[in-house]
């Protein structure tokens, strides 16, 4: 209904400002969480691919050397 926010009382303008700010923050949080989820999924996939790559390389290797920590870990 409001065409000109400057015609609102000062208190009403502040309330409207805070509403807009909350809406903007909520939208930004939603986007950040979505990007974070996408990043986590991609990072997990990349780690999986790296392990598969290591496995492929090790299958063809004649000699494999590693520390006992690496042997226990992988």
PDB file of N, CA and C in Angstrom:
ATOM      1  N   UNK A   1       0.804  -1.202   0.000  1.00  0.00           N
ATOM      2  CA  UNK A   1       0.000   0.000   0.000  1.00  0.00           C
ATOM      3  C   UNK A   1       0.845   1.263   0.000  1.00  0.00           C
ATOM      4  N   UNK A   2       1.978   1.204   0.615  1.00  0.00           N
ATOM      5  CA  UNK A   2       2.790   2.404   0.810  1.00  0.00           C
ATOM      6  C   UNK A   2       3.544   2.719  -0.478  1.00  0.00           C
ATOM      7  N   UNK A   3       3.365   3.909  -0.959  1.00  0.00           N
ATOM      8  CA  UNK A   3       4.038   4.348  -2.175  1.00  0.00           C
ATOM      9  C   UNK A   3       5.323   5.111  -1.858  1.00  0.00           C
ATOM     10  N   UNK A   4       5.335   5.844  -0.759  1.00  0.00           N
ATOM     11  CA  UNK A   4       6.485   6.677  -0.393  1.00  0.00           C
ATOM     12  C   UNK A   4       6.835   6.425   1.071  1.00  0.00           C
ATOM     13  N   UNK A   5       7.966   5.775   1.298  1.00  0.00           N
ATOM     14  CA  UNK A   5       8.350   5.440   2.677  1.00  0.00           C
ATOM     15  C   UNK A   5       8.624   6.682   3.518  1.00  0.00           C
ATOM     16  N   UNK A   6       8.935   7.786   2.864  1.00  0.00           N
ATOM     17  CA  UNK A   6       9.222   9.015   3.610  1.00  0.00           C
ATOM     18  C   UNK A   6       7.958   9.617   4.230  1.00  0.00           C
ATOM     19  N   UNK A   7       6.824   9.127   3.825  1.00  0.00           N
ATOM     20  CA  UNK A   7       5.583   9.615   4.431  1.00  0.00           C
ATOM     21  C   UNK A   7       5.253   8.851   5.714  1.00  0.00           C
ATOM     22  N   UNK A   8       5.986   7.783   5.991  1.00  0.00           N
ATOM     23  CA  UNK A   8       5.778   7.031   7.233  1.00  0.00           C
ATOM     24  C   UNK A   8       6.393   7.772   8.407  1.00  0.00           C
ATOM     25  N   UNK A   9       5.888   7.469   9.566  1.00  0.00           N
ATOM     26  CA  UNK A   9       6.476   8.030  10.783  1.00  0.00           C
ATOM     27  C   UNK A   9       7.869   7.419  10.977  1.00  0.00           C
ATOM     28  N   UNK A  10       8.725   8.100  11.680  1.00  0.00           N
ATOM     29  CA  UNK A  10      10.100   7.654  11.868  1.00  0.00           C
ATOM     30  C   UNK A  10      10.155   6.248  12.462  1.00  0.00           C
ATOM     31  N   UNK A  11       9.347   5.987  13.464  1.00  0.00           N
ATOM     32  CA  UNK A  11       9.315   4.667  14.091  1.00  0.00           C
ATOM     33  C   UNK A  11       8.908   3.587  13.083  1.00  0.00           C
ATOM     34  N   UNK A  12       7.942   3.890  12.254  1.00  0.00           N
ATOM     35  CA  UNK A  12       7.491   2.931  11.234  1.00  0.00           C
ATOM     36  C   UNK A  12       8.566   2.690  10.187  1.00  0.00           C
ATOM     37  N   UNK A  13       9.300   3.733   9.822  1.00  0.00           N
ATOM     38  CA  UNK A  13      10.404   3.552   8.859  1.00  0.00           C
ATOM     39  C   UNK A  13      11.480   2.642   9.443  1.00  0.00           C
ATOM     40  N   UNK A  14      11.778   2.818  10.726  1.00  0.00           N
ATOM     41  CA  UNK A  14      12.778   1.956  11.365  1.00  0.00           C
ATOM     42  C   UNK A  14      12.302   0.506  11.407  1.00  0.00           C
ATOM     43  N   UNK A  15      11.039   0.317  11.704  1.00  0.00           N
ATOM     44  CA  UNK A  15      10.497  -1.040  11.719  1.00  0.00           C
ATOM     45  C   UNK A  15      10.586  -1.672  10.336  1.00  0.00           C
ATOM     46  N   UNK A  16      10.257  -0.913   9.319  1.00  0.00           N
ATOM     47  CA  UNK A  16      10.333  -1.402   7.945  1.00  0.00           C
ATOM     48  C   UNK A  16      11.781  -1.720   7.573  1.00  0.00           C
ATOM     49  N   UNK A  17      12.696  -0.839   7.964  1.00  0.00           N
ATOM     50  CA  UNK A  17      14.121  -1.066   7.705  1.00  0.00           C
ATOM     51  C   UNK A  17      14.591  -2.363   8.361  1.00  0.00           C
ATOM     52  N   UNK A  18      14.219  -2.554   9.627  1.00  0.00           N
ATOM     53  CA  UNK A  18      14.633  -3.769  10.338  1.00  0.00           C
ATOM     54  C   UNK A  18      14.025  -5.018   9.687  1.00  0.00           C
ATOM     55  N   UNK A  19      12.802  -4.931   9.219  1.00  0.00           N
ATOM     56  CA  UNK A  19      12.173  -6.050   8.515  1.00  0.00           C
ATOM     57  C   UNK A  19      12.943  -6.380   7.246  1.00  0.00           C
ATOM     58  N   UNK A  20      13.235  -5.357   6.451  1.00  0.00           N
ATOM     59  CA  UNK A  20      14.001  -5.580   5.225  1.00  0.00           C
ATOM     60  C   UNK A  20      15.369  -6.173   5.535  1.00  0.00           C
ATOM     61  N   UNK A  21      16.006  -5.683   6.584  1.00  0.00           N
ATOM     62  CA  UNK A  21      17.321  -6.180   6.969  1.00  0.00           C
ATOM     63  C   UNK A  21      17.242  -7.647   7.381  1.00  0.00           C
ATOM     64  N   UNK A  22      16.256  -8.007   8.157  1.00  0.00           N
ATOM     65  CA  UNK A  22      16.072  -9.404   8.563  1.00  0.00           C
ATOM     66  C   UNK A  22      15.821 -10.296   7.353  1.00  0.00           C
ATOM     67  N   UNK A  23      15.014  -9.828   6.427  1.00  0.00           N
ATOM     68  CA  UNK A  23      14.722 -10.612   5.222  1.00  0.00           C
ATOM     69  C   UNK A  23      15.996 -10.803   4.395  1.00  0.00           C
ATOM     70  N   UNK A  24      16.785  -9.758   4.262  1.00  0.00           N
ATOM     71  CA  UNK A  24      18.034  -9.842   3.504  1.00  0.00           C
ATOM     72  C   UNK A  24      19.012 -10.799   4.182  1.00  0.00           C
ATOM     73  N   UNK A  25      19.128 -10.692   5.506  1.00  0.00           N
ATOM     74  CA  UNK A  25      20.038 -11.563   6.242  1.00  0.00           C
ATOM     75  C   UNK A  25      19.606 -13.024   6.139  1.00  0.00           C
ATOM     76  N   UNK A  26      18.315 -13.282   6.245  1.00  0.00           N
ATOM     77  CA  UNK A  26      17.811 -14.654   6.139  1.00  0.00           C
ATOM     78  C   UNK A  26      18.100 -15.225   4.753  1.00  0.00           C
ATOM     79  N   UNK A  27      17.893 -14.427   3.718  1.00  0.00           N
ATOM     80  CA  UNK A  27      18.168 -14.883   2.355  1.00  0.00           C
ATOM     81  C   UNK A  27      19.660 -15.150   2.170  1.00  0.00           C
ATOM     82  N   UNK A  28      20.491 -14.285   2.706  1.00  0.00           N
ATOM     83  CA  UNK A  28      21.944 -14.466   2.590  1.00  0.00           C
ATOM     84  C   UNK A  28      22.386 -15.710   3.345  1.00  0.00           C
ATOM     85  N   UNK A  29      21.861 -15.932   4.536  1.00  0.00           N
ATOM     86  CA  UNK A  29      22.195 -17.141   5.298  1.00  0.00           C
ATOM     87  C   UNK A  29      21.802 -18.398   4.534  1.00  0.00           C
ATOM     88  N   UNK A  30      20.616 -18.376   3.945  1.00  0.00           N
ATOM     89  CA  UNK A  30      20.136 -19.517   3.168  1.00  0.00           C
ATOM     90  C   UNK A  30      21.087 -19.812   2.005  1.00  0.00           C
ATOM     91  N   UNK A  31      21.507 -18.770   1.311  1.00  0.00           N
ATOM     92  CA  UNK A  31      22.430 -18.955   0.186  1.00  0.00           C
ATOM     93  C   UNK A  31      23.773 -19.496   0.661  1.00  0.00           C
ATOM     94  N   UNK A  32      24.277 -18.957   1.768  1.00  0.00           N
ATOM     95  CA  UNK A  32      25.565 -19.407   2.301  1.00  0.00           C
ATOM     96  C   UNK A  32      25.492 -20.877   2.693  1.00  0.00           C
ATOM     97  N   UNK A  33      24.427 -21.278   3.360  1.00  0.00           N
ATOM     98  CA  UNK A  33      24.276 -22.675   3.747  1.00  0.00           C
ATOM     99  C   UNK A  33      24.211 -23.589   2.529  1.00  0.00           C
ATOM    100  N   UNK A  34      23.547 -23.143   1.490  1.00  0.00           N
ATOM    101  CA  UNK A  34      23.467 -23.926   0.259  1.00  0.00           C
ATOM    102  C   UNK A  34      24.853 -24.065  -0.377  1.00  0.00           C
ATOM    103  N   UNK A  35      25.594 -22.955  -0.456  1.00  0.00           N
ATOM    104  CA  UNK A  35      26.949 -23.015  -1.019  1.00  0.00           C
ATOM    105  C   UNK A  35      27.861 -23.881  -0.165  1.00  0.00           C
ATOM    106  N   UNK A  36      27.690 -23.802   1.150  1.00  0.00           N
ATOM    107  CA  UNK A  36      28.494 -24.635   2.046  1.00  0.00           C
ATOM    108  C   UNK A  36      28.213 -26.115   1.803  1.00  0.00           C
ATOM    109  N   UNK A  37      26.951 -26.466   1.636  1.00  0.00           N
ATOM    110  CA  UNK A  37      26.574 -27.848   1.349  1.00  0.00           C
ATOM    111  C   UNK A  37      27.183 -28.315   0.030  1.00  0.00           C
ATOM    112  N   UNK A  38      27.103 -27.468  -0.981  1.00  0.00           N
ATOM    113  CA  UNK A  38      27.680 -27.804  -2.284  1.00  0.00           C
ATOM    114  C   UNK A  38      29.188 -27.992  -2.174  1.00  0.00           C
ATOM    115  N   UNK A  39      29.841 -27.115  -1.410  1.00  0.00           N
ATOM    116  CA  UNK A  39      31.293 -27.223  -1.242  1.00  0.00           C
ATOM    117  C   UNK A  39      31.653 -28.526  -0.539  1.00  0.00           C
ATOM    118  N   UNK A  40      30.932 -28.842   0.537  1.00  0.00           N
ATOM    119  CA  UNK A  40      31.216 -30.068   1.288  1.00  0.00           C
ATOM    120  C   UNK A  40      31.057 -31.300   0.401  1.00  0.00           C
ATOM    121  N   UNK A  41      30.000 -31.318  -0.396  1.00  0.00           N
ATOM    122  CA  UNK A  41      29.767 -32.440  -1.305  1.00  0.00           C
ATOM    123  C   UNK A  41      30.907 -32.554  -2.324  1.00  0.00           C
ATOM    124  N   UNK A  42      31.302 -31.427  -2.881  1.00  0.00           N
ATOM    125  CA  UNK A  42      32.390 -31.438  -3.864  1.00  0.00           C
ATOM    126  C   UNK A  42      33.712 -31.850  -3.229  1.00  0.00           C
ATOM    127  N   UNK A  43      33.980 -31.371  -2.020  1.00  0.00           N
ATOM    128  CA  UNK A  43      35.230 -31.717  -1.330  1.00  0.00           C
ATOM    129  C   UNK A  43      35.271 -33.210  -1.009  1.00  0.00           C
ATOM    130  N   UNK A  44      34.148 -33.768  -0.587  1.00  0.00           N
ATOM    131  CA  UNK A  44      34.087 -35.202  -0.309  1.00  0.00           C
ATOM    132  C   UNK A  44      34.304 -36.011  -1.587  1.00  0.00           C
ATOM    133  N   UNK A  45      33.693 -35.569  -2.671  1.00  0.00           N
ATOM    134  CA  UNK A  45      33.858 -36.262  -3.953  1.00  0.00           C
ATOM    135  C   UNK A  45      35.315 -36.194  -4.423  1.00  0.00           C
ATOM    136  N   UNK A  46      35.928 -35.043  -4.237  1.00  0.00           N
ATOM    137  CA  UNK A  46      37.321 -34.881  -4.647  1.00  0.00           C
ATOM    138  C   UNK A  46      38.240 -35.780  -3.820  1.00  0.00           C
ATOM    139  N   UNK A  47      37.995 -35.873  -2.523  1.00  0.00           N
ATOM    140  CA  UNK A  47      38.806 -36.754  -1.671  1.00  0.00           C
ATOM    141  C   UNK A  47      38.647 -38.207  -2.109  1.00  0.00           C
ATOM    142  N   UNK A  48      37.412 -38.578  -2.438  1.00  0.00           N
ATOM    143  CA  UNK A  48      37.147 -39.943  -2.910  1.00  0.00           C
ATOM    144  C   UNK A  48      37.888 -40.231  -4.218  1.00  0.00           C
ATOM    145  N   UNK A  49      37.861 -39.276  -5.124  1.00  0.00           N
ATOM    146  CA  UNK A  49      38.561 -39.453  -6.401  1.00  0.00           C
ATOM    147  C   UNK A  49      40.070 -39.547  -6.212  1.00  0.00           C
ATOM    148  N   UNK A  50      40.597 -38.772  -5.287  1.00  0.00           N
ATOM    149  CA  UNK A  50      42.036 -38.841  -5.012  1.00  0.00           C
ATOM    150  C   UNK A  50      42.422 -40.208  -4.457  1.00  0.00           C
ATOM    151  N   UNK A  51      41.590 -40.747  -3.578  1.00  0.00           N
ATOM    152  CA  UNK A  51      41.874 -42.081  -3.052  1.00  0.00           C
ATOM    153  C   UNK A  51      41.803 -43.134  -4.159  1.00  0.00           C
ATOM    154  N   UNK A  52      40.829 -43.005  -5.044  1.00  0.00           N
ATOM    155  CA  UNK A  52      40.726 -43.939  -6.163  1.00  0.00           C
ATOM    156  C   UNK A  52      41.937 -43.818  -7.086  1.00  0.00           C
ATOM    157  N   UNK A  53      42.391 -42.590  -7.295  1.00  0.00           N
ATOM    158  CA  UNK A  53      43.574 -42.376  -8.124  1.00  0.00           C
ATOM    159  C   UNK A  53      44.804 -43.029  -7.482  1.00  0.00           C
ATOM    160  N   UNK A  54      44.967 -42.841  -6.176  1.00  0.00           N
ATOM    161  CA  UNK A  54      46.078 -43.473  -5.467  1.00  0.00           C
ATOM    162  C   UNK A  54      46.002 -44.990  -5.574  1.00  0.00           C
ATOM    163  N   UNK A  55      44.811 -45.535  -5.415  1.00  0.00           N
ATOM    164  CA  UNK A  55      44.627 -46.981  -5.506  1.00  0.00           C
ATOM    165  C   UNK A  55      45.009 -47.485  -6.897  1.00  0.00           C
ATOM    166  N   UNK A  56      44.579 -46.771  -7.912  1.00  0.00           N
ATOM    167  CA  UNK A  56      44.901 -47.153  -9.294  1.00  0.00           C
ATOM    168  C   UNK A  56      46.416 -47.137  -9.520  1.00  0.00           C
ATOM    169  N   UNK A  57      47.076 -46.120  -9.013  1.00  0.00           N
ATOM    170  CA  UNK A  57      48.535 -46.020  -9.162  1.00  0.00           C
ATOM    171  C   UNK A  57      49.228 -47.142  -8.408  1.00  0.00           C
ATOM    172  N   UNK A  58      48.769 -47.402  -7.187  1.00  0.00           N
ATOM    173  CA  UNK A  58      49.412 -48.433  -6.367  1.00  0.00           C
ATOM    174  C   UNK A  58      49.211 -49.837  -6.938  1.00  0.00           C
ATOM    175  N   UNK A  59      48.104 -50.083  -7.610  1.00  0.00           N
ATOM    176  CA  UNK A  59      47.854 -51.403  -8.200  1.00  0.00           C
ATOM    177  C   UNK A  59      48.877 -51.735  -9.275  1.00  0.00           C
ATOM    178  N   UNK A  60      49.335 -50.706  -9.991  1.00  0.00           N
ATOM    179  CA  UNK A  60      50.288 -50.920 -11.079  1.00  0.00           C
ATOM    180  C   UNK A  60      51.745 -50.815 -10.630  1.00  0.00           C
ATOM    181  N   UNK A  61      51.971 -50.475  -9.380  1.00  0.00           N
ATOM    182  CA  UNK A  61      53.340 -50.241  -8.909  1.00  0.00           C
ATOM    183  C   UNK A  61      54.057 -51.561  -8.622  1.00  0.00           C
ATOM    184  N   UNK A  62      55.334 -51.579  -8.924  1.00  0.00           N
ATOM    185  CA  UNK A  62      56.176 -52.732  -8.635  1.00  0.00           C
ATOM    186  C   UNK A  62      56.642 -52.704  -7.167  1.00  0.00           C
ATOM    187  N   UNK A  63      56.985 -51.508  -6.699  1.00  0.00           N
ATOM    188  CA  UNK A  63      57.480 -51.334  -5.329  1.00  0.00           C
ATOM    189  C   UNK A  63      56.659 -50.234  -4.683  1.00  0.00           C
ATOM    190  N   UNK A  64      56.224 -50.491  -3.462  1.00  0.00           N
ATOM    191  CA  UNK A  64      55.453 -49.501  -2.717  1.00  0.00           C
ATOM    192  C   UNK A  64      56.188 -49.234  -1.417  1.00  0.00           C
ATOM    193  N   UNK A  65      56.462 -47.964  -1.138  1.00  0.00           N
ATOM    194  CA  UNK A  65      57.119 -47.599   0.106  1.00  0.00           C
ATOM    195  C   UNK A  65      56.273 -46.598   0.867  1.00  0.00           C
ATOM    196  N   UNK A  66      56.207 -46.786   2.177  1.00  0.00           N
ATOM    197  CA  UNK A  66      55.460 -45.834   3.000  1.00  0.00           C
ATOM    198  C   UNK A  66      55.854 -46.023   4.452  1.00  0.00           C
ATOM    199  N   UNK A  67      55.484 -45.083   5.272  1.00  0.00           N
ATOM    200  CA  UNK A  67      55.730 -45.196   6.704  1.00  0.00           C
ATOM    201  C   UNK A  67      54.689 -46.105   7.326  1.00  0.00           C
ATOM    202  N   UNK A  68      54.926 -46.540   8.530  1.00  0.00           N
ATOM    203  CA  UNK A  68      53.935 -47.379   9.210  1.00  0.00           C
ATOM    204  C   UNK A  68      52.658 -46.603   9.477  1.00  0.00           C
ATOM    205  N   UNK A  69      52.805 -45.300   9.695  1.00  0.00           N
ATOM    206  CA  UNK A  69      51.611 -44.453   9.889  1.00  0.00           C
ATOM    207  C   UNK A  69      50.778 -44.430   8.618  1.00  0.00           C
ATOM    208  N   UNK A  70      51.434 -44.273   7.488  1.00  0.00           N
ATOM    209  CA  UNK A  70      50.713 -44.267   6.207  1.00  0.00           C
ATOM    210  C   UNK A  70      50.079 -45.619   5.931  1.00  0.00           C
ATOM    211  N   UNK A  71      50.802 -46.698   6.255  1.00  0.00           N
ATOM    212  CA  UNK A  71      50.251 -48.032   6.033  1.00  0.00           C
ATOM    213  C   UNK A  71      49.014 -48.258   6.882  1.00  0.00           C
ATOM    214  N   UNK A  72      49.051 -47.801   8.131  1.00  0.00           N
ATOM    215  CA  UNK A  72      47.882 -47.973   9.017  1.00  0.00           C
ATOM    216  C   UNK A  72      46.730 -47.101   8.563  1.00  0.00           C
ATOM    217  N   UNK A  73      47.052 -45.922   8.058  1.00  0.00           N
ATOM    218  CA  UNK A  73      46.014 -44.978   7.647  1.00  0.00           C
ATOM    219  C   UNK A  73      45.295 -45.424   6.376  1.00  0.00           C
ATOM    220  N   UNK A  74      46.041 -45.974   5.410  1.00  0.00           N
ATOM    221  CA  UNK A  74      45.457 -46.354   4.122  1.00  0.00           C
ATOM    222  C   UNK A  74      45.345 -47.848   3.965  1.00  0.00           C
TER     223      UNK A  74
END
